[in-house]
C-alpha atoms as a PDB file:
ATOM      1  CA  UNK A   1      45.052  42.233  37.965  1.00  0.00           C
ATOM      2  CA  UNK A   2      47.747  40.402  36.032  1.00  0.00           C
ATOM      3  CA  UNK A   3      48.570  42.932  33.308  1.00  0.00           C
ATOM      4  CA  UNK A   4      51.348  40.838  31.960  1.00  0.00           C
ATOM      5  CA  UNK A   5      49.581  37.506  31.803  1.00  0.00           C
ATOM      6  CA  UNK A   6      52.754  36.335  33.521  1.00  0.00           C
ATOM      7  CA  UNK A   7      53.352  32.972  35.144  1.00  0.00           C
ATOM      8  CA  UNK A   8      55.032  33.560  38.512  1.00  0.00           C
ATOM      9  CA  UNK A   9      58.713  32.631  38.451  1.00  0.00           C
ATOM     10  CA  UNK A  10      61.598  33.101  40.933  1.00  0.00           C
ATOM     11  CA  UNK A  11      63.225  36.580  40.919  1.00  0.00           C
ATOM     12  CA  UNK A  12      66.367  36.623  38.845  1.00  0.00           C
ATOM     13  CA  UNK A  13      69.484  38.705  39.062  1.00  0.00           C
ATOM     14  CA  UNK A  14      68.018  41.574  37.102  1.00  0.00           C
ATOM     15  CA  UNK A  15      64.764  41.738  39.144  1.00  0.00           C
ATOM     16  CA  UNK A  16      66.938  41.900  42.285  1.00  0.00           C
ATOM     17  CA  UNK A  17      68.994  44.710  40.753  1.00  0.00           C
ATOM     18  CA  UNK A  18      65.828  46.626  39.901  1.00  0.00           C
ATOM     19  CA  UNK A  19      64.497  46.224  43.502  1.00  0.00           C
ATOM     20  CA  UNK A  20      67.839  47.251  44.954  1.00  0.00           C
ATOM     21  CA  UNK A  21      68.058  50.332  42.813  1.00  0.00           C
ATOM     22  CA  UNK A  22      64.381  51.319  43.628  1.00  0.00           C
ATOM     23  CA  UNK A  23      65.178  50.819  47.284  1.00  0.00           C
ATOM     24  CA  UNK A  24      68.019  53.259  47.127  1.00  0.00           C
ATOM     25  CA  UNK A  25      65.964  55.787  45.152  1.00  0.00           C
ATOM     26  CA  UNK A  26      62.268  55.146  44.708  1.00  0.00           C
ATOM     27  CA  UNK A  27      61.927  58.350  42.593  1.00  0.00           C
ATOM     28  CA  UNK A  28      64.265  57.079  40.021  1.00  0.00           C
ATOM     29  CA  UNK A  29      62.652  57.345  36.450  1.00  0.00           C
ATOM     30  CA  UNK A  30      62.302  54.233  34.320  1.00  0.00           C
ATOM     31  CA  UNK A  31      64.849  55.712  31.936  1.00  0.00           C
ATOM     32  CA  UNK A  32      67.441  56.195  34.709  1.00  0.00           C
ATOM     33  CA  UNK A  33      66.711  52.699  36.067  1.00  0.00           C
ATOM     34  CA  UNK A  34      67.095  51.213  32.565  1.00  0.00           C
ATOM     35  CA  UNK A  35      70.473  52.983  32.147  1.00  0.00           C
ATOM     36  CA  UNK A  36      71.657  51.709  35.487  1.00  0.00           C
ATOM     37  CA  UNK A  37      70.616  48.117  34.908  1.00  0.00           C
ATOM     38  CA  UNK A  38      71.554  48.034  31.235  1.00  0.00           C
ATOM     39  CA  UNK A  39      68.116  47.196  29.695  1.00  0.00           C
ATOM     40  CA  UNK A  40      65.612  49.114  27.596  1.00  0.00           C
ATOM     41  CA  UNK A  41      62.983  51.228  29.346  1.00  0.00           C
ATOM     42  CA  UNK A  42      60.137  49.042  28.073  1.00  0.00           C
ATOM     43  CA  UNK A  43      61.851  45.884  29.434  1.00  0.00           C
ATOM     44  CA  UNK A  44      62.372  47.480  32.857  1.00  0.00           C
ATOM     45  CA  UNK A  45      58.728  48.763  32.986  1.00  0.00           C
ATOM     46  CA  UNK A  46      57.493  45.256  32.044  1.00  0.00           C
ATOM     47  CA  UNK A  47      59.623  43.541  34.732  1.00  0.00           C
ATOM     48  CA  UNK A  48      58.346  46.106  37.347  1.00  0.00           C
ATOM     49  CA  UNK A  49      54.768  45.313  36.320  1.00  0.00           C
ATOM     50  CA  UNK A  50      55.443  41.600  36.495  1.00  0.00           C
ATOM     51  CA  UNK A  51      56.890  41.925  39.954  1.00  0.00           C
ATOM     52  CA  UNK A  52      53.953  44.006  41.073  1.00  0.00           C
ATOM     53  CA  UNK A  53      51.538  41.355  39.636  1.00  0.00           C
ATOM     54  CA  UNK A  54      53.407  38.596  41.427  1.00  0.00           C
ATOM     55  CA  UNK A  55      53.354  40.575  44.739  1.00  0.00           C
ATOM     56  CA  UNK A  56      57.168  40.946  44.945  1.00  0.00           C
ATOM     57  CA  UNK A  57      56.699  44.788  44.778  1.00  0.00           C
ATOM     58  CA  UNK A  58      53.644  45.815  46.887  1.00  0.00           C
ATOM     59  CA  UNK A  59      53.984  49.512  46.744  1.00  0.00           C
ATOM     60  CA  UNK A  60      56.178  52.602  46.612  1.00  0.00           C
ATOM     61  CA  UNK A  61      56.659  54.819  49.633  1.00  0.00           C
ATOM     62  CA  UNK A  62      58.653  57.672  51.220  1.00  0.00           C
ATOM     63  CA  UNK A  63      60.711  57.724  54.405  1.00  0.00           C
ATOM     64  CA  UNK A  64      59.881  60.394  56.897  1.00  0.00           C
ATOM     65  CA  UNK A  65      61.978  61.455  59.878  1.00  0.00           C
ATOM     66  CA  UNK A  66      59.506  61.552  62.826  1.00  0.00           C
ATOM     67  CA  UNK A  67      61.636  64.043  64.798  1.00  0.00           C
ATOM     68  CA  UNK A  68      60.786  66.682  62.264  1.00  0.00           C
ATOM     69  CA  UNK A  69      57.221  66.436  63.538  1.00  0.00           C
ATOM     70  CA  UNK A  70      58.195  66.511  67.148  1.00  0.00           C
ATOM     71  CA  UNK A  71      57.937  62.722  67.597  1.00  0.00           C
ATOM     72  CA  UNK A  72      61.267  62.197  69.367  1.00  0.00           C
ATOM     73  CA  UNK A  73      60.688  59.081  71.446  1.00  0.00           C
ATOM     74  CA  UNK A  74      60.605  55.568  69.876  1.00  0.00           C
ATOM     75  CA  UNK A  75      60.028  52.517  71.932  1.00  0.00           C
ATOM     76  CA  UNK A  76      59.505  48.803  71.597  1.00  0.00           C
ATOM     77  CA  UNK A  77      56.787  47.287  73.746  1.00  0.00           C
ATOM     78  CA  UNK A  78      56.487  43.568  74.402  1.00  0.00           C
ATOM     79  CA  UNK A  79      53.006  42.482  75.399  1.00  0.00           C
ATOM     80  CA  UNK A  80      51.576  39.382  76.955  1.00  0.00           C
ATOM     81  CA  UNK A  81      47.746  39.485  76.541  1.00  0.00           C
ATOM     82  CA  UNK A  82      45.601  38.325  79.461  1.00  0.00           C
ATOM     83  CA  UNK A  83      43.645  35.202  78.801  1.00  0.00           C
ATOM     84  CA  UNK A  84      40.929  35.896  76.216  1.00  0.00           C
ATOM     85  CA  UNK A  85      42.275  39.330  75.332  1.00  0.00           C
ATOM     86  CA  UNK A  86      44.488  38.566  72.368  1.00  0.00           C
ATOM     87  CA  UNK A  87      41.947  39.826  69.794  1.00  0.00           C
ATOM     88  CA  UNK A  88      41.297  43.022  71.803  1.00  0.00           C
ATOM     89  CA  UNK A  89      44.950  43.806  72.178  1.00  0.00           C
ATOM     90  CA  UNK A  90      45.516  43.159  68.399  1.00  0.00           C
ATOM     91  CA  UNK A  91      42.665  45.542  67.530  1.00  0.00           C
ATOM     92  CA  UNK A  92      44.073  48.217  69.945  1.00  0.00           C
ATOM     93  CA  UNK A  93      47.478  47.919  68.133  1.00  0.00           C
ATOM     94  CA  UNK A  94      45.695  48.479  64.800  1.00  0.00           C
ATOM     95  CA  UNK A  95      43.700  51.409  66.089  1.00  0.00           C
ATOM     96  CA  UNK A  96      46.517  53.421  67.835  1.00  0.00           C
ATOM     97  CA  UNK A  97      48.227  55.762  65.407  1.00  0.00           C
ATOM     98  CA  UNK A  98      51.312  55.830  67.709  1.00  0.00           C
ATOM     99  CA  UNK A  99      51.899  52.148  66.897  1.00  0.00           C
ATOM    100  CA  UNK A 100      53.923  52.155  63.647  1.00  0.00           C
ATOM    101  CA  UNK A 101      54.687  48.477  63.608  1.00  0.00           C
ATOM    102  CA  UNK A 102      53.406  45.417  65.429  1.00  0.00           C
ATOM    103  CA  UNK A 103      54.047  41.716  65.114  1.00  0.00           C
ATOM    104  CA  UNK A 104      52.375  38.710  66.739  1.00  0.00           C
ATOM    105  CA  UNK A 105      55.215  36.598  68.054  1.00  0.00           C
ATOM    106  CA  UNK A 106      55.893  33.269  69.643  1.00  0.00           C
ATOM    107  CA  UNK A 107      57.241  32.701  73.158  1.00  0.00           C
ATOM    108  CA  UNK A 108      55.988  34.161  76.358  1.00  0.00           C
ATOM    109  CA  UNK A 109      54.901  37.508  74.761  1.00  0.00           C
ATOM    110  CA  UNK A 110      52.034  37.692  72.264  1.00  0.00           C
ATOM    111  CA  UNK A 111      53.065  40.920  70.519  1.00  0.00           C
ATOM    112  CA  UNK A 112      56.053  43.146  69.767  1.00  0.00           C
ATOM    113  CA  UNK A 113      55.071  46.748  68.911  1.00  0.00           C
ATOM    114  CA  UNK A 114      57.031  49.832  67.919  1.00  0.00           C
ATOM    115  CA  UNK A 115      55.614  53.152  68.928  1.00  0.00           C
ATOM    116  CA  UNK A 116      56.723  56.638  68.115  1.00  0.00           C
ATOM    117  CA  UNK A 117      55.564  59.421  70.338  1.00  0.00           C
ATOM    118  CA  UNK A 118      56.549  63.044  71.253  1.00  0.00           C
ATOM    119  CA  UNK A 119      57.768  62.362  74.819  1.00  0.00           C
ATOM    120  CA  UNK A 120      57.903  59.828  77.705  1.00  0.00           C
ATOM    121  CA  UNK A 121      54.548  60.994  79.081  1.00  0.00           C
ATOM    122  CA  UNK A 122      52.831  60.225  75.800  1.00  0.00           C
ATOM    123  CA  UNK A 123      54.670  56.867  75.861  1.00  0.00           C
ATOM    124  CA  UNK A 124      53.318  56.174  79.288  1.00  0.00           C
ATOM    125  CA  UNK A 125      49.769  57.109  78.210  1.00  0.00           C
ATOM    126  CA  UNK A 126      50.036  54.599  75.244  1.00  0.00           C
ATOM    127  CA  UNK A 127      51.370  51.823  77.480  1.00  0.00           C
ATOM    128  CA  UNK A 128      48.695  52.485  80.120  1.00  0.00           C
ATOM    129  CA  UNK A 129      45.936  51.794  77.512  1.00  0.00           C
ATOM    130  CA  UNK A 130      47.098  48.209  77.316  1.00  0.00           C
ATOM    131  CA  UNK A 131      47.466  47.521  81.025  1.00  0.00           C
ATOM    132  CA  UNK A 132      43.934  46.315  81.720  1.00  0.00           C
ATOM    133  CA  UNK A 133      44.278  43.747  78.942  1.00  0.00           C
ATOM    134  CA  UNK A 134      48.000  42.953  78.767  1.00  0.00           C
ATOM    135  CA  UNK A 135      51.205  42.996  80.718  1.00  0.00           C
ATOM    136  CA  UNK A 136      53.821  45.118  79.091  1.00  0.00           C
ATOM    137  CA  UNK A 137      57.664  45.479  78.968  1.00  0.00           C
ATOM    138  CA  UNK A 138      58.979  48.708  77.350  1.00  0.00           C
ATOM    139  CA  UNK A 139      62.313  49.593  75.907  1.00  0.00           C
ATOM    140  CA  UNK A 140      63.065  53.086  74.713  1.00  0.00           C
ATOM    141  CA  UNK A 141      65.147  53.330  71.583  1.00  0.00           C
ATOM    142  CA  UNK A 142      68.412  55.197  72.310  1.00  0.00           C
ATOM    143  CA  UNK A 143      69.618  55.136  68.645  1.00  0.00           C
ATOM    144  CA  UNK A 144      69.027  53.101  65.543  1.00  0.00           C
ATOM    145  CA  UNK A 145      71.937  50.937  64.489  1.00  0.00           C
ATOM    146  CA  UNK A 146      70.280  49.652  61.311  1.00  0.00           C
ATOM    147  CA  UNK A 147      67.417  51.478  59.596  1.00  0.00           C
ATOM    148  CA  UNK A 148      64.831  49.169  58.156  1.00  0.00           C
ATOM    149  CA  UNK A 149      66.414  47.522  55.053  1.00  0.00           C
ATOM    150  CA  UNK A 150      65.664  44.770  52.675  1.00  0.00           C
ATOM    151  CA  UNK A 151      66.670  41.180  53.538  1.00  0.00           C
ATOM    152  CA  UNK A 152      69.307  39.653  51.304  1.00  0.00           C
ATOM    153  CA  UNK A 153      67.370  38.837  48.115  1.00  0.00           C
END
């Protein structure tokens, strides 16, 4: 629904500042955001609605530390689906809750997936589910150098 009856336009410097501020603190109030950006609260709220309508802002979320829940092993799995099995492997990625991210990629592999599990045995169990339909190559994450961040806007 286009609440603002807004014609889509490129994001400007103010829109980028709003997105950057919300990325740092998604719980920031409209009033706090307006003070930080230097606009009125209604102007900020209208811009946020316009960006939502245009699809530039697709949701608001929280960041959770999986280790707090005992999920201490993260791994990237490259998969090369067997002939005729791409759709099945894609659906398996969608259906497995241990898979937190997955992309269809170019090159020799078909998919890159990130899984988060409690231990190496659980990782092996996840990987084993794909073996009848895909070859896999797994890399366990030792540490995260860059936490997911916005690209340069």
